[in-house]
Amino acid sequence: MKTQTPLARGLAARLKATREAKGSSVLDVAEAIGISHRALASMENGDYAPNWWQMYQLACHYSVGPGWLAFGDAEDPAS
């Protein structure tokens, strides 16, 4: 069984929570940023880390800062 680091768990949780808060499906978001829905689901499960471009695309799609999405830094998207 693969263990996740706290950083990976945090990223996965922020990805999923942000998508759900926006009312989007995995398929809709994946299609909007040009990745497979399986890749996005793997990111949300913490099995796969997005590369810098995917992280940027996700942050733009969700209207949050990439630093917050990646690390929980700087800003709270709810504010």
Protein backbone atom coordinates (compact mmCIF):
# COMPACT_ATOMS: atom_id res chain seq x y z
CA MET A 1 0.00 0.00 0.00
CA LYS A 2 1.30 3.42 -0.97
CA THR A 3 1.54 5.98 1.82
CA GLN A 4 0.90 9.60 1.07
CA THR A 5 2.82 12.50 2.51
CA PRO A 6 0.86 15.20 4.34
CA LEU A 7 1.60 17.49 1.38
CA ALA A 8 0.04 15.04 -1.09
CA ARG A 9 -2.99 14.50 1.15
CA GLY A 10 -3.48 18.26 1.48
CA LEU A 11 -3.23 18.86 -2.26
CA ALA A 12 -5.64 16.02 -3.01
CA ALA A 13 -8.12 17.30 -0.43
CA ARG A 14 -7.94 20.89 -1.73
CA LEU A 15 -8.42 19.73 -5.33
CA LYS A 16 -11.49 17.69 -4.50
CA ALA A 17 -13.02 20.18 -2.05
CA THR A 18 -12.55 23.09 -4.45
CA ARG A 19 -14.09 21.17 -7.36
CA GLU A 20 -17.05 20.13 -5.24
CA ALA A 21 -17.50 23.67 -3.88
CA LYS A 22 -17.69 24.94 -7.47
CA GLY A 23 -20.31 22.30 -8.26
CA SER A 24 -18.25 20.75 -11.04
CA SER A 25 -17.85 17.11 -12.00
CA VAL A 26 -14.48 15.45 -12.50
CA LEU A 27 -15.32 15.02 -16.17
CA ASP A 28 -16.23 18.70 -16.65
CA VAL A 29 -13.05 20.00 -15.02
CA ALA A 30 -10.79 17.51 -16.76
CA GLU A 31 -12.29 18.39 -20.12
CA ALA A 32 -11.97 22.12 -19.43
CA ILE A 33 -8.25 21.91 -18.67
CA GLY A 34 -7.38 19.24 -21.25
CA ILE A 35 -6.60 16.16 -19.17
CA SER A 36 -8.34 12.83 -18.75
CA HIS A 37 -10.93 12.42 -16.05
CA ARG A 38 -8.86 9.49 -14.74
CA ALA A 39 -5.85 11.78 -14.30
CA LEU A 40 -7.91 14.28 -12.32
CA ALA A 41 -9.46 11.53 -10.21
CA SER A 42 -5.94 10.23 -9.49
CA MET A 43 -4.88 13.72 -8.42
CA GLU A 44 -7.87 14.00 -6.10
CA ASN A 45 -7.02 10.60 -4.61
CA GLY A 46 -3.40 11.63 -4.05
CA ASP A 47 -2.07 8.98 -6.43
CA TYR A 48 -0.74 11.45 -9.00
CA ALA A 49 0.66 14.95 -8.58
CA PRO A 50 -0.17 17.50 -11.26
CA ASN A 51 2.72 19.05 -13.14
CA TRP A 52 3.22 22.83 -12.96
CA TRP A 53 1.06 23.50 -16.05
CA GLN A 54 -1.80 21.32 -14.81
CA MET A 55 -1.59 23.03 -11.41
CA TYR A 56 -1.75 26.45 -13.11
CA GLN A 57 -4.70 25.38 -15.27
CA LEU A 58 -6.58 23.99 -12.25
CA ALA A 59 -5.92 27.15 -10.23
CA CYS A 60 -7.16 29.34 -13.09
CA HIS A 61 -10.22 27.16 -13.64
CA TYR A 62 -11.09 27.31 -9.93
CA SER A 63 -10.15 31.01 -9.59
CA VAL A 64 -7.71 30.33 -6.74
CA GLY A 65 -4.01 30.95 -6.39
CA PRO A 66 -1.70 28.12 -7.46
CA GLY A 67 0.22 28.48 -4.17
CA TRP A 68 -2.94 27.93 -2.19
CA LEU A 69 -4.00 24.98 -4.32
CA ALA A 70 -0.57 23.33 -4.18
CA PHE A 71 0.43 24.07 -0.60
CA GLY A 72 -2.45 25.78 1.19
CA ASP A 73 -0.37 28.98 1.21
CA ALA A 74 -1.22 32.63 1.15
CA GLU A 75 -4.90 32.86 0.48
CA ASP A 76 -8.15 31.25 1.38
CA PRO A 77 -10.42 31.00 -1.66
CA ALA A 78 -13.46 31.39 0.57
CA SER A 79 -12.42 34.91 1.58
